[in-house]
Every structure is written in C-alpha cells, then in structure tokens.
C-alpha atoms as a PDB file:
ATOM      1  CA  MET A   1     134.075  67.673 200.064  1.00  0.00           C
ATOM      2  CA  MET A   2     136.596  65.296 199.754  1.00  0.00           C
ATOM      3  CA  SER A   3     133.729  62.531 197.548  1.00  0.00           C
ATOM      4  CA  PHE A   4     133.061  65.479 195.200  1.00  0.00           C
ATOM      5  CA  VAL A   5     136.940  66.193 194.766  1.00  0.00           C
ATOM      6  CA  GLY A   6     137.176  62.232 194.459  1.00  0.00           C
ATOM      7  CA  SER A   7     134.292  62.146 191.717  1.00  0.00           C
ATOM      8  CA  LYS A   8     135.679  65.246 189.879  1.00  0.00           C
ATOM      9  CA  PHE A   9     139.203  63.847 189.512  1.00  0.00           C
ATOM     10  CA  GLY A  10     137.714  60.703 188.290  1.00  0.00           C
ATOM     11  CA  THR A  11     135.307  62.366 185.709  1.00  0.00           C
ATOM     12  CA  ILE A  12     138.646  64.129 184.944  1.00  0.00           C
ATOM     13  CA  LEU A  13     140.782  60.691 184.275  1.00  0.00           C
ATOM     14  CA  SER A  14     137.798  58.931 182.650  1.00  0.00           C
ATOM     15  CA  THR A  15     137.402  61.988 180.058  1.00  0.00           C
ATOM     16  CA  ILE A  16     141.065  61.912 179.538  1.00  0.00           C
ATOM     17  CA  PHE A  17     141.619  58.264 178.944  1.00  0.00           C
ATOM     18  CA  SER A  18     138.254  57.955 176.799  1.00  0.00           C
ATOM     19  CA  THR A  19     139.431  60.638 174.728  1.00  0.00           C
ATOM     20  CA  ILE A  20     143.380  59.150 174.320  1.00  0.00           C
ATOM     21  CA  PHE A  21     141.424  56.041 173.600  1.00  0.00           C
ATOM     22  CA  GLY A  22     139.009  57.096 171.086  1.00  0.00           C
ATOM     23  CA  THR A  23     141.803  59.048 168.823  1.00  0.00           C
ATOM     24  CA  ILE A  24     144.215  55.719 168.797  1.00  0.00           C
ATOM     25  CA  LEU A  25     140.880  54.040 167.909  1.00  0.00           C
ATOM     26  CA  VAL A  26     139.866  56.145 165.321  1.00  0.00           C
ATOM     27  CA  LEU A  27     143.561  56.216 163.898  1.00  0.00           C
ATOM     28  CA  SER A  28     143.959  52.702 163.927  1.00  0.00           C
ATOM     29  CA  VAL A  29     140.616  52.715 161.994  1.00  0.00           C
ATOM     30  CA  MET A  30     141.146  54.930 159.282  1.00  0.00           C
ATOM     31  CA  LEU A  31     145.362  53.325 158.972  1.00  0.00           C
ATOM     32  CA  PHE A  32     143.886  50.156 158.572  1.00  0.00           C
ATOM     33  CA  LEU A  33     140.834  51.194 156.095  1.00  0.00           C
ATOM     34  CA  VAL A  34     143.096  52.795 153.357  1.00  0.00           C
ATOM     35  CA  GLY A  35     146.444  51.267 154.599  1.00  0.00           C
ATOM     36  CA  GLY A  36     147.208  51.060 150.788  1.00  0.00           C
ATOM     37  CA  CYS A  37     146.653  54.954 150.513  1.00  0.00           C
ATOM     38  CA  SER A  38     149.685  55.645 152.589  1.00  0.00           C
ATOM     39  CA  ALA A  39     153.146  55.101 152.329  1.00  0.00           C
ATOM     40  CA  SER A  40     156.132  56.874 153.740  1.00  0.00           C
ATOM     41  CA  PRO A  41     159.437  56.242 151.454  1.00  0.00           C
ATOM     42  CA  ASN A  42     162.437  55.576 152.807  1.00  0.00           C
ATOM     43  CA  LYS A  43     166.386  56.706 151.671  1.00  0.00           C
ATOM     44  CA  GLN A  44     166.396  53.335 149.446  1.00  0.00           C
ATOM     45  CA  ARG A  45     163.084  54.014 147.700  1.00  0.00           C
ATOM     46  CA  THR A  46     163.659  57.931 147.384  1.00  0.00           C
ATOM     47  CA  GLN A  47     167.151  56.752 145.618  1.00  0.00           C
ATOM     48  CA  LEU A  48     165.152  54.054 143.391  1.00  0.00           C
ATOM     49  CA  PHE A  49     162.415  56.910 142.569  1.00  0.00           C
ATOM     50  CA  LEU A  50     165.579  59.233 141.547  1.00  0.00           C
ATOM     51  CA  GLU A  51     167.063  57.177 139.409  1.00  0.00           C
ATOM     52  CA  ALA A  52     163.972  56.429 137.745  1.00  0.00           C
ATOM     53  CA  GLN A  53     163.753  60.078 136.991  1.00  0.00           C
ATOM     54  CA  ASN A  54     166.897  60.441 135.756  1.00  0.00           C
ATOM     55  CA  ALA A  55     166.499  57.048 133.315  1.00  0.00           C
ATOM     56  CA  PHE A  56     163.195  59.238 132.123  1.00  0.00           C
ATOM     57  CA  GLU A  57     164.588  62.507 131.582  1.00  0.00           C
ATOM     58  CA  LYS A  58     168.099  60.586 129.426  1.00  0.00           C
ATOM     59  CA  ALA A  59     165.478  58.571 127.386  1.00  0.00           C
ATOM     60  CA  GLU A  60     163.841  61.927 126.171  1.00  0.00           C
ATOM     61  CA  LYS A  61     167.151  62.710 124.662  1.00  0.00           C
ATOM     62  CA  LEU A  62     167.431  59.238 122.738  1.00  0.00           C
ATOM     63  CA  PRO A  63     166.637  58.928 118.630  1.00  0.00           C
ATOM     64  CA  ALA A  64     163.004  58.481 118.280  1.00  0.00           C
ATOM     65  CA  GLU A  65     163.903  54.698 117.437  1.00  0.00           C
ATOM     66  CA  ASN A  66     165.470  53.749 120.476  1.00  0.00           C
ATOM     67  CA  GLN A  67     162.856  55.356 123.360  1.00  0.00           C
ATOM     68  CA  PRO A  68     160.196  53.145 123.698  1.00  0.00           C
ATOM     69  CA  LYS A  69     162.935  50.313 124.502  1.00  0.00           C
ATOM     70  CA  GLU A  70     164.072  52.570 126.711  1.00  0.00           C
ATOM     71  CA  PHE A  71     160.891  53.887 128.457  1.00  0.00           C
ATOM     72  CA  TYR A  72     160.123  50.603 129.086  1.00  0.00           C
ATOM     73  CA  ARG A  73     162.791  49.744 131.165  1.00  0.00           C
ATOM     74  CA  VAL A  74     162.026  53.598 132.702  1.00  0.00           C
ATOM     75  CA  ALA A  75     158.231  52.312 133.660  1.00  0.00           C
ATOM     76  CA  THR A  76     159.861  48.952 135.416  1.00  0.00           C
ATOM     77  CA  MET A  77     161.780  51.323 137.555  1.00  0.00           C
ATOM     78  CA  PHE A  78     158.951  53.233 138.524  1.00  0.00           C
ATOM     79  CA  GLN A  79     157.355  49.814 139.276  1.00  0.00           C
ATOM     80  CA  GLN A  80     159.609  48.688 141.130  1.00  0.00           C
ATOM     81  CA  VAL A  81     159.302  52.002 143.114  1.00  0.00           C
ATOM     82  CA  ILE A  82     155.515  51.006 144.065  1.00  0.00           C
ATOM     83  CA  ASP A  83     156.381  47.414 144.345  1.00  0.00           C
ATOM     84  CA  ARG A  84     158.108  48.820 147.400  1.00  0.00           C
ATOM     85  CA  GLY A  85     155.509  50.133 148.821  1.00  0.00           C
ATOM     86  CA  VAL A  86     155.627  53.969 147.886  1.00  0.00           C
ATOM     87  CA  GLN A  87     152.158  54.569 146.113  1.00  0.00           C
ATOM     88  CA  SER A  88     151.059  57.982 145.455  1.00  0.00           C
ATOM     89  CA  GLY A  89     149.648  60.076 142.644  1.00  0.00           C
ATOM     90  CA  PRO A  90     153.064  61.691 141.159  1.00  0.00           C
ATOM     91  CA  ILE A  91     154.562  58.105 140.844  1.00  0.00           C
ATOM     92  CA  TYR A  92     151.546  56.400 138.862  1.00  0.00           C
ATOM     93  CA  TYR A  93     151.629  59.610 136.537  1.00  0.00           C
ATOM     94  CA  ASN A  94     155.355  59.231 135.990  1.00  0.00           C
ATOM     95  CA  LEU A  95     154.299  55.182 135.184  1.00  0.00           C
ATOM     96  CA  GLY A  96     151.799  55.947 132.703  1.00  0.00           C
ATOM     97  CA  ASN A  97     153.804  58.516 130.821  1.00  0.00           C
ATOM     98  CA  ALA A  98     156.928  56.238 130.656  1.00  0.00           C
ATOM     99  CA  TRP A  99     154.740  53.363 129.450  1.00  0.00           C
ATOM    100  CA  LEU A 100     152.966  56.001 126.827  1.00  0.00           C
ATOM    101  CA  ARG A 101     156.363  56.586 125.805  1.00  0.00           C
ATOM    102  CA  ALA A 102     156.993  53.106 125.826  1.00  0.00           C
ATOM    103  CA  GLU A 103     154.129  52.357 123.473  1.00  0.00           C
ATOM    104  CA  GLU A 104     151.746  50.462 126.248  1.00  0.00           C
ATOM    105  CA  PRO A 105     148.759  52.695 126.321  1.00  0.00           C
ATOM    106  CA  GLY A 106     146.682  49.745 127.987  1.00  0.00           C
ATOM    107  CA  ARG A 107     149.057  49.603 130.921  1.00  0.00           C
ATOM    108  CA  ALA A 108     150.223  53.929 130.518  1.00  0.00           C
ATOM    109  CA  LEU A 109     145.665  53.915 130.693  1.00  0.00           C
ATOM    110  CA  ALA A 110     145.865  51.871 134.491  1.00  0.00           C
ATOM    111  CA  ALA A 111     148.064  53.888 135.732  1.00  0.00           C
ATOM    112  CA  TYR A 112     146.515  57.154 135.017  1.00  0.00           C
ATOM    113  CA  TYR A 113     143.518  55.517 136.907  1.00  0.00           C
ATOM    114  CA  LEU A 114     145.767  54.908 139.992  1.00  0.00           C
ATOM    115  CA  ALA A 115     147.225  58.042 139.521  1.00  0.00           C
ATOM    116  CA  GLN A 116     143.524  59.899 139.741  1.00  0.00           C
ATOM    117  CA  ARG A 117     142.932  58.256 142.780  1.00  0.00           C
ATOM    118  CA  TYR A 118     145.198  60.510 145.184  1.00  0.00           C
ATOM    119  CA  LEU A 119     145.428  63.434 141.661  1.00  0.00           C
ATOM    120  CA  PRO A 120     141.656  63.401 140.998  1.00  0.00           C
ATOM    121  CA  LEU A 121     141.371  67.014 139.622  1.00  0.00           C
ATOM    122  CA  ASP A 122     145.164  67.176 137.941  1.00  0.00           C
ATOM    123  CA  PRO A 123     144.671  68.123 134.309  1.00  0.00           C
ATOM    124  CA  TYR A 124     147.556  66.614 132.545  1.00  0.00           C
ATOM    125  CA  ILE A 125     146.756  63.401 133.950  1.00  0.00           C
ATOM    126  CA  ALA A 126     143.399  63.574 132.446  1.00  0.00           C
ATOM    127  CA  SER A 127     144.568  65.086 129.055  1.00  0.00           C
ATOM    128  CA  ASN A 128     147.348  62.301 129.160  1.00  0.00           C
ATOM    129  CA  LYS A 129     144.660  59.859 129.985  1.00  0.00           C
ATOM    130  CA  GLN A 130     142.853  61.229 126.613  1.00  0.00           C
ATOM    131  CA  ILE A 131     146.323  60.766 124.703  1.00  0.00           C
ATOM    132  CA  ALA A 132     146.743  57.015 125.903  1.00  0.00           C
ATOM    133  CA  LEU A 133     143.031  56.647 124.060  1.00  0.00           C
ATOM    134  CA  ALA A 134     143.733  58.101 121.541  1.00  0.00           C
ATOM    135  CA  HIS A 135     140.116  57.880 119.037  1.00  0.00           C
ATOM    136  CA  HIS A 136     138.689  55.434 121.363  1.00  0.00           C
ATOM    137  CA  SER A 137     135.507  56.307 123.480  1.00  0.00           C
ATOM    138  CA  PRO A 138     134.908  53.948 125.757  1.00  0.00           C
ATOM    139  CA  PRO A 139     131.262  53.794 127.314  1.00  0.00           C
ATOM    140  CA  GLU A 140     131.486  55.238 130.662  1.00  0.00           C
ATOM    141  CA  SER A 141     130.309  53.062 133.649  1.00  0.00           C
ATOM    142  CA  PRO A 142     126.949  55.022 135.442  1.00  0.00           C
ATOM    143  CA  THR A 143     127.469  56.666 138.657  1.00  0.00           C
ATOM    144  CA  PRO A 144     126.921  54.558 141.685  1.00  0.00           C
ATOM    145  CA  ILE A 145     124.188  56.285 143.864  1.00  0.00           C
ATOM    146  CA  ILE A 146     126.564  56.867 146.536  1.00  0.00           C
ATOM    147  CA  GLU A 147     128.636  59.322 144.460  1.00  0.00           C
ATOM    148  CA  TYR A 148     125.992  61.629 144.239  1.00  0.00           C
ATOM    149  CA  VAL A 149     125.005  62.027 148.274  1.00  0.00           C
ATOM    150  CA  PHE A 150     129.094  61.996 148.817  1.00  0.00           C
ATOM    151  CA  PHE A 151     129.293  64.767 145.683  1.00  0.00           C
ATOM    152  CA  TRP A 152     133.020  65.774 146.582  1.00  0.00           C
ATOM    153  CA  GLN A 153     134.068  61.622 146.191  1.00  0.00           C
ATOM    154  CA  ASN A 154     135.600  62.300 142.619  1.00  0.00           C
ATOM    155  CA  SER A 155     137.197  65.341 143.439  1.00  0.00           C
ATOM    156  CA  ILE A 156     139.260  64.459 146.672  1.00  0.00           C
ATOM    157  CA  GLY A 157     142.417  62.612 147.000  1.00  0.00           C
ATOM    158  CA  CYS A 158     142.575  59.467 148.678  1.00  0.00           C
ATOM    159  CA  ARG A 159     144.746  61.230 151.482  1.00  0.00           C
ATOM    160  CA  GLU A 160     142.811  64.017 152.068  1.00  0.00           C
ATOM    161  CA  LYS A 161     140.219  62.089 152.752  1.00  0.00           C
ATOM    162  CA  ILE A 162     142.287  60.247 155.672  1.00  0.00           C
ATOM    163  CA  TRP A 163     143.267  63.347 156.904  1.00  0.00           C
ATOM    164  CA  CYS A 164     140.478  64.830 157.247  1.00  0.00           C
ATOM    165  CA  SER A 165     139.016  62.090 158.988  1.00  0.00           C
ATOM    166  CA  VAL A 166     141.352  61.574 161.491  1.00  0.00           C
ATOM    167  CA  LEU A 167     142.319  65.961 162.206  1.00  0.00           C
ATOM    168  CA  LEU A 168     137.406  65.442 162.404  1.00  0.00           C
ATOM    169  CA  ALA A 169     137.651  62.530 165.194  1.00  0.00           C
ATOM    170  CA  VAL A 170     140.306  64.169 166.969  1.00  0.00           C
ATOM    171  CA  VAL A 171     138.393  67.607 167.287  1.00  0.00           C
ATOM    172  CA  THR A 172     135.691  65.406 168.239  1.00  0.00           C
ATOM    173  CA  PHE A 173     136.882  63.684 170.965  1.00  0.00           C
ATOM    174  CA  ILE A 174     138.612  66.656 172.426  1.00  0.00           C
ATOM    175  CA  SER A 175     135.521  68.862 171.987  1.00  0.00           C
ATOM    176  CA  GLY A 176     133.598  65.879 173.843  1.00  0.00           C
ATOM    177  CA  ALA A 177     135.829  65.484 176.636  1.00  0.00           C
ATOM    178  CA  ILE A 178     135.814  69.799 177.166  1.00  0.00           C
ATOM    179  CA  ALA A 179     131.949  69.226 176.884  1.00  0.00           C
ATOM    180  CA  LEU A 180     132.075  66.745 179.850  1.00  0.00           C
ATOM    181  CA  TRP A 181     134.075  68.671 182.025  1.00  0.00           C
ATOM    182  CA  VAL A 182     132.423  72.186 181.360  1.00  0.00           C
ATOM    183  CA  ARG A 183     129.067  71.266 180.951  1.00  0.00           C
ATOM    184  CA  HIS A 184     128.014  73.641 178.443  1.00  0.00           C
ATOM    185  CA  ARG A 185     124.440  72.912 176.307  1.00  0.00           C
ATOM    186  CA  ARG A 186     126.521  74.994 173.018  1.00  0.00           C
ATOM    187  CA  LEU A 187     129.678  72.991 173.630  1.00  0.00           C
ATOM    188  CA  ARG A 188     127.637  69.949 173.539  1.00  0.00           C
ATOM    189  CA  ARG A 189     125.468  71.171 170.790  1.00  0.00           C
ATOM    190  CA  LEU A 190     129.053  71.739 168.736  1.00  0.00           C
ATOM    191  CA  THR A 191     130.399  68.068 169.765  1.00  0.00           C
ATOM    192  CA  LEU A 192     127.314  66.477 168.532  1.00  0.00           C
ATOM    193  CA  THR A 193     127.659  68.587 165.074  1.00  0.00           C
ATOM    194  CA  LEU A 194     131.859  67.466 164.459  1.00  0.00           C
ATOM    195  CA  LEU A 195     130.308  63.633 165.454  1.00  0.00           C
ATOM    196  CA  ALA A 196     128.158  64.199 162.566  1.00  0.00           C
ATOM    197  CA  PHE A 197     130.733  65.594 160.072  1.00  0.00           C
ATOM    198  CA  THR A 198     133.160  63.054 161.058  1.00  0.00           C
ATOM    199  CA  PHE A 199     130.656  60.163 160.684  1.00  0.00           C
ATOM    200  CA  ILE A 200     130.162  61.403 156.827  1.00  0.00           C
ATOM    201  CA  ALA A 201     133.782  62.023 156.602  1.00  0.00           C
ATOM    202  CA  VAL A 202     134.677  57.671 157.666  1.00  0.00           C
ATOM    203  CA  CYS A 203     131.924  56.972 155.407  1.00  0.00           C
ATOM    204  CA  SER A 204     133.191  58.882 152.521  1.00  0.00           C
ATOM    205  CA  THR A 205     137.205  57.474 153.484  1.00  0.00           C
ATOM    206  CA  GLY A 206     135.619  53.566 153.808  1.00  0.00           C
ATOM    207  CA  TYR A 207     133.743  53.755 150.579  1.00  0.00           C
ATOM    208  CA  ASP A 208     137.409  54.529 148.911  1.00  0.00           C
ATOM    209  CA  TRP A 209     138.245  51.716 150.741  1.00  0.00           C
ATOM    210  CA  TYR A 210     135.581  49.547 149.550  1.00  0.00           C
ATOM    211  CA  ARG A 211     135.544  50.301 145.446  1.00  0.00           C
ATOM    212  CA  PHE A 212     139.685  50.829 145.770  1.00  0.00           C
ATOM    213  CA  GLU A 213     140.806  47.863 147.643  1.00  0.00           C
ATOM    214  CA  TRP A 214     138.046  45.262 147.952  1.00  0.00           C
ATOM    215  CA  ILE A 215     136.670  45.451 144.306  1.00  0.00           C
ATOM    216  CA  ARG A 216     138.988  44.893 141.520  1.00  0.00           C
ATOM    217  CA  HIS A 217     139.248  47.002 138.396  1.00  0.00           C
ATOM    218  CA  ALA A 218     140.745  46.241 135.313  1.00  0.00           C
ATOM    219  CA  VAL A 219     140.881  48.270 131.859  1.00  0.00           C
ATOM    220  CA  ILE A 220     140.293  46.236 128.303  1.00  0.00           C
ATOM    221  CA  THR A 221     144.013  46.388 126.264  1.00  0.00           C
ATOM    222  CA  VAL A 222     142.910  45.336 122.992  1.00  0.00           C
ATOM    223  CA  GLU A 223     141.682  46.928 120.125  1.00  0.00           C
ATOM    224  CA  LYS A 224     138.265  44.939 119.660  1.00  0.00           C
ATOM    225  CA  ALA A 225     137.550  42.518 122.438  1.00  0.00           C
ATOM    226  CA  VAL A 226     134.786  40.132 122.357  1.00  0.00           C
ATOM    227  CA  PRO A 227     133.486  38.702 125.193  1.00  0.00           C
ATOM    228  CA  ARG A 228     132.326  35.451 125.794  1.00  0.00           C
ATOM    229  CA  LYS A 229     129.601  33.653 128.035  1.00  0.00           C
ATOM    230  CA  GLY A 230     131.678  31.508 129.256  1.00  0.00           C
ATOM    231  CA  ASN A 231     135.951  31.115 129.857  1.00  0.00           C
ATOM    232  CA  SER A 232     136.551  29.498 126.165  1.00  0.00           C
ATOM    233  CA  GLU A 233     136.455  30.612 122.357  1.00  0.00           C
ATOM    234  CA  GLN A 234     133.433  27.889 121.884  1.00  0.00           C
ATOM    235  CA  TYR A 235     130.889  30.082 123.948  1.00  0.00           C
ATOM    236  CA  GLU A 236     128.590  32.535 122.217  1.00  0.00           C
ATOM    237  CA  PRO A 237     129.659  36.137 122.191  1.00  0.00           C
ATOM    238  CA  LEU A 238     127.959  38.278 125.220  1.00  0.00           C
ATOM    239  CA  PHE A 239     127.515  41.415 122.703  1.00  0.00           C
ATOM    240  CA  THR A 240     126.722  41.833 119.592  1.00  0.00           C
ATOM    241  CA  THR A 241     129.429  44.702 118.664  1.00  0.00           C
ATOM    242  CA  PRO A 242     133.192  44.414 119.765  1.00  0.00           C
ATOM    243  CA  VAL A 243     134.098  46.266 123.487  1.00  0.00           C
ATOM    244  CA  PRO A 244     136.377  49.120 122.808  1.00  0.00           C
ATOM    245  CA  PHE A 245     139.729  49.380 123.838  1.00  0.00           C
ATOM    246  CA  GLY A 246     139.933  51.406 127.499  1.00  0.00           C
ATOM    247  CA  THR A 247     136.834  49.850 128.745  1.00  0.00           C
ATOM    248  CA  THR A 248     137.088  49.968 132.453  1.00  0.00           C
ATOM    249  CA  VAL A 249     135.491  46.806 133.807  1.00  0.00           C
ATOM    250  CA  THR A 250     135.351  45.356 137.700  1.00  0.00           C
ATOM    251  CA  VAL A 251     136.982  41.538 137.612  1.00  0.00           C
ATOM    252  CA  LEU A 252     135.262  39.058 139.072  1.00  0.00           C
ATOM    253  CA  ASP A 253     136.969  35.893 139.055  1.00  0.00           C
ATOM    254  CA  GLU A 254     139.332  33.766 137.487  1.00  0.00           C
ATOM    255  CA  ARG A 255     139.293  30.718 135.482  1.00  0.00           C
ATOM    256  CA  ASN A 256     142.777  29.325 133.755  1.00  0.00           C
ATOM    257  CA  ASP A 257     143.777  31.706 131.621  1.00  0.00           C
ATOM    258  CA  TRP A 258     140.665  33.765 131.328  1.00  0.00           C
ATOM    259  CA  THR A 259     138.906  36.234 133.471  1.00  0.00           C
ATOM    260  CA  ARG A 260     134.992  36.790 134.132  1.00  0.00           C
ATOM    261  CA  LEU A 261     134.093  41.030 134.229  1.00  0.00           C
ATOM    262  CA  ARG A 262     130.962  42.936 135.197  1.00  0.00           C
ATOM    263  CA  PHE A 263     130.346  45.315 132.361  1.00  0.00           C
ATOM    264  CA  ALA A 264     128.483  49.062 132.702  1.00  0.00           C
ATOM    265  CA  SER A 265     125.633  47.462 131.755  1.00  0.00           C
ATOM    266  CA  GLY A 266     125.590  45.231 134.196  1.00  0.00           C
ATOM    267  CA  GLN A 267     126.435  41.889 132.289  1.00  0.00           C
ATOM    268  CA  ASP A 268     129.195  39.127 133.227  1.00  0.00           C
ATOM    269  CA  GLY A 269     131.388  38.115 130.235  1.00  0.00           C
ATOM    270  CA  TRP A 270     134.966  36.501 130.281  1.00  0.00           C
ATOM    271  CA  LEU A 271     137.649  37.373 128.380  1.00  0.00           C
ATOM    272  CA  PRO A 272     141.418  36.203 128.112  1.00  0.00           C
ATOM    273  CA  LYS A 273     143.258  37.348 130.811  1.00  0.00           C
ATOM    274  CA  ASN A 274     145.704  39.101 128.282  1.00  0.00           C
ATOM    275  CA  HIS A 275     143.168  40.839 126.766  1.00  0.00           C
ATOM    276  CA  ILE A 276     142.835  43.136 129.879  1.00  0.00           C
ATOM    277  CA  ILE A 277     145.393  44.917 133.039  1.00  0.00           C
ATOM    278  CA  GLU A 278     144.047  45.417 136.560  1.00  0.00           C
ATOM    279  CA  PHE A 279     144.904  48.575 138.503  1.00  0.00           C
END
C-alpha cells in the first residue's frame, strides 16, 4: 500500500515539475524567438511618446511651408521612442505619417512596412503606404510557398502569434499533465491535438522571427535606381531598365558605400547605400 501511494505521489510531483519546466521552456523560447516584437514602455518612454504626439498635433497647425521641417523633428522624436525599445504598430504608423508630412516618402514607406508587421490588416497603414508610393508601381515580390501553407501569416500580427503560441503551449502542458494522472483516452487525444496546433503556432511564429529578424529588408528610395553587377559605377547595369522607387529588396552584403541586394527576380546587384532604407 505504501509503495502504491509513494508511486502515485512521485507521479504527481513528476507531472507538476515537468509541466512547470515545459511551460517555462516554451515561454523562454518564444521570448527568444521574437524578443524584438515585444517591449513594455516605462514612464520615460511614455512621456517621450506623448511629447512626440503633441509635437505632431502642433506641427499640423503650422503654415504649409513650415510643416516639412517641423515634421522632420517630430519623426526623430518618434524614432527616439523606438530606439529605446518600444516597438508597436501605432508608433511605426505615427513615424511613417511624420516622415510623409516631412516629404520623406522613402522613410515613410519603411516605417509603414514595419507597422504592418504588427497591424497587417490596418486599412489606414495600407492607404498611407499608397500615398507614399504616389504614382509609382513597384513590382511585387513572389509569395514564398510557406506563406501558402501558413495562409494566416500575413493576416495576424507578430504579438498575436506569440501569445497564441504561448497560450496553446500552456494549455497543452496542463492537458498533458492531467492526462498522465487521469489516464483517459479522449484526454490523451485532445493533448495530442493541442500539441499539433502548438507546433504549428510555434513554427508560424518562428517564421516571423526568421523573415523579420534574420533577413534584412530594404526599400529603394530613389526615382530610378540602376543596380550594378559590382560595387562601382564602372560595372554594367544588372537590368536593362531602372528599378522604380518603392521596390522592396533583401540586403545581402555591404562593401564601402555600396550594398548588395537581391531583387524579386532572384538576381543580385549592387546599389549605393544612400539609395535604400532598411526596415
């Protein structure tokens, strides 16, 4: 009798510790994967954000000829908030609006692309991005196969994916712990189903980390960019026609004042650093 009770008590302790350890492990992995997607502002950051908001509202009331210079200052204020670790869709959206009013459409585009990582379906971001593009129609990048598999990838924000993954992981561990104790067949099946969904959610979040944190993205900010086959004006152009403003590219390498980029066609070429802005 004592050995049975001891065995049962050991099983309970083992289950509790494994559940706690598993939950902590999943939380740690998720925070590591997308640490750049979550940051909690302190009072100083909040104050700086409010000052930037007030400066934006005041700049709107200035005469038209004075607005670009003032909005440039406002944009630098929003950038200071971001540099202090606060990253969110609304802040990047406000940054983009400030750059747009400062007559810096390239910088505005970069900010809007960053805002869409957090608010992918926000109609105002999409609308203002089109204003920044003006009459330009840059080519669209091909959709990777994985985004057809994870069809929700560009419809759910970065933070939402994190919390969904964490919640599923916690529920799965709790369900597994209960299943070990109760030993019910249906509960085990439920745990396996939850485990499958957790795995999918973690993969989806991990893909966000890969494409947003590991891969460097940039947008072309000159009217007609002429990529070269090498890092000098002496090299031949990569394409027969210039690449339009607003085209998004992948940054591969840097050499002196030149950057090697990968275009939607899959070809690699070089542009001066001042012809692009990373986002």
